[in-house]
Amino acid sequence: MVFLVNLCVNLHVCLYGDLQVASAQTIDSLDID
Protein backbone atom coordinates (compact mmCIF):
# COMPACT_ATOMS: atom_id res chain seq x y z
CA MET A 1 0.00 0.00 0.00
CA VAL A 2 2.74 2.44 0.95
CA PHE A 3 4.56 1.52 -2.25
CA LEU A 4 1.50 2.33 -4.36
CA VAL A 5 0.99 5.67 -2.62
CA ASN A 6 4.66 6.52 -3.09
CA LEU A 7 4.44 5.57 -6.77
CA CYS A 8 1.40 7.79 -7.27
CA VAL A 9 3.13 10.73 -5.60
CA ASN A 10 6.24 10.26 -7.73
CA LEU A 11 4.12 9.99 -10.88
CA HIS A 12 2.22 13.15 -9.97
CA VAL A 13 5.48 15.03 -9.36
CA CYS A 14 6.88 13.82 -12.70
CA LEU A 15 3.74 14.81 -14.60
CA TYR A 16 3.56 18.17 -12.86
CA GLY A 17 7.23 18.79 -13.68
CA ASP A 18 6.61 17.92 -17.33
CA LEU A 19 3.68 20.34 -17.45
CA GLN A 20 5.84 23.09 -15.95
CA VAL A 21 8.54 22.46 -18.58
CA ALA A 22 5.97 22.40 -21.39
CA SER A 23 4.45 25.66 -20.14
CA ALA A 24 7.87 27.30 -19.96
CA GLN A 25 8.70 26.17 -23.50
CA THR A 26 5.36 27.45 -24.79
CA ILE A 27 5.93 30.85 -23.17
CA ASP A 28 9.45 30.98 -24.63
CA SER A 29 8.04 30.20 -28.09
CA LEU A 30 5.48 32.98 -27.78
CA ASP A 31 8.19 35.42 -26.70
CA ILE A 32 10.28 34.53 -29.76
CA ASP A 33 7.35 35.26 -32.07
C-alpha atoms as a PDB file:
ATOM      1  CA  MET A   1       0.000   0.000   0.000  1.00  0.00           C
ATOM      2  CA  VAL A   2       2.744   2.439   0.955  1.00  0.00           C
ATOM      3  CA  PHE A   3       4.565   1.520  -2.253  1.00  0.00           C
ATOM      4  CA  LEU A   4       1.496   2.331  -4.358  1.00  0.00           C
ATOM      5  CA  VAL A   5       0.991   5.667  -2.621  1.00  0.00           C
ATOM      6  CA  ASN A   6       4.661   6.517  -3.092  1.00  0.00           C
ATOM      7  CA  LEU A   7       4.441   5.566  -6.770  1.00  0.00           C
ATOM      8  CA  CYS A   8       1.398   7.787  -7.275  1.00  0.00           C
ATOM      9  CA  VAL A   9       3.129  10.727  -5.601  1.00  0.00           C
ATOM     10  CA  ASN A  10       6.243  10.255  -7.729  1.00  0.00           C
ATOM     11  CA  LEU A  11       4.116   9.985 -10.877  1.00  0.00           C
ATOM     12  CA  HIS A  12       2.223  13.151  -9.965  1.00  0.00           C
ATOM     13  CA  VAL A  13       5.478  15.031  -9.363  1.00  0.00           C
ATOM     14  CA  CYS A  14       6.877  13.818 -12.697  1.00  0.00           C
ATOM     15  CA  LEU A  15       3.736  14.805 -14.603  1.00  0.00           C
ATOM     16  CA  TYR A  16       3.564  18.174 -12.855  1.00  0.00           C
ATOM     17  CA  GLY A  17       7.231  18.786 -13.677  1.00  0.00           C
ATOM     18  CA  ASP A  18       6.605  17.915 -17.332  1.00  0.00           C
ATOM     19  CA  LEU A  19       3.682  20.342 -17.447  1.00  0.00           C
ATOM     20  CA  GLN A  20       5.841  23.088 -15.952  1.00  0.00           C
ATOM     21  CA  VAL A  21       8.538  22.460 -18.579  1.00  0.00           C
ATOM     22  CA  ALA A  22       5.966  22.399 -21.390  1.00  0.00           C
ATOM     23  CA  SER A  23       4.450  25.662 -20.137  1.00  0.00           C
ATOM     24  CA  ALA A  24       7.870  27.305 -19.964  1.00  0.00           C
ATOM     25  CA  GLN A  25       8.702  26.169 -23.505  1.00  0.00           C
ATOM     26  CA  THR A  26       5.356  27.455 -24.786  1.00  0.00           C
ATOM     27  CA  ILE A  27       5.929  30.852 -23.168  1.00  0.00           C
ATOM     28  CA  ASP A  28       9.448  30.975 -24.634  1.00  0.00           C
ATOM     29  CA  SER A  29       8.039  30.197 -28.091  1.00  0.00           C
ATOM     30  CA  LEU A  30       5.479  32.981 -27.784  1.00  0.00           C
ATOM     31  CA  ASP A  31       8.192  35.416 -26.701  1.00  0.00           C
ATOM     32  CA  ILE A  32      10.281  34.530 -29.762  1.00  0.00           C
ATOM     33  CA  ASP A  33       7.347  35.257 -32.073  1.00  0.00           C
END
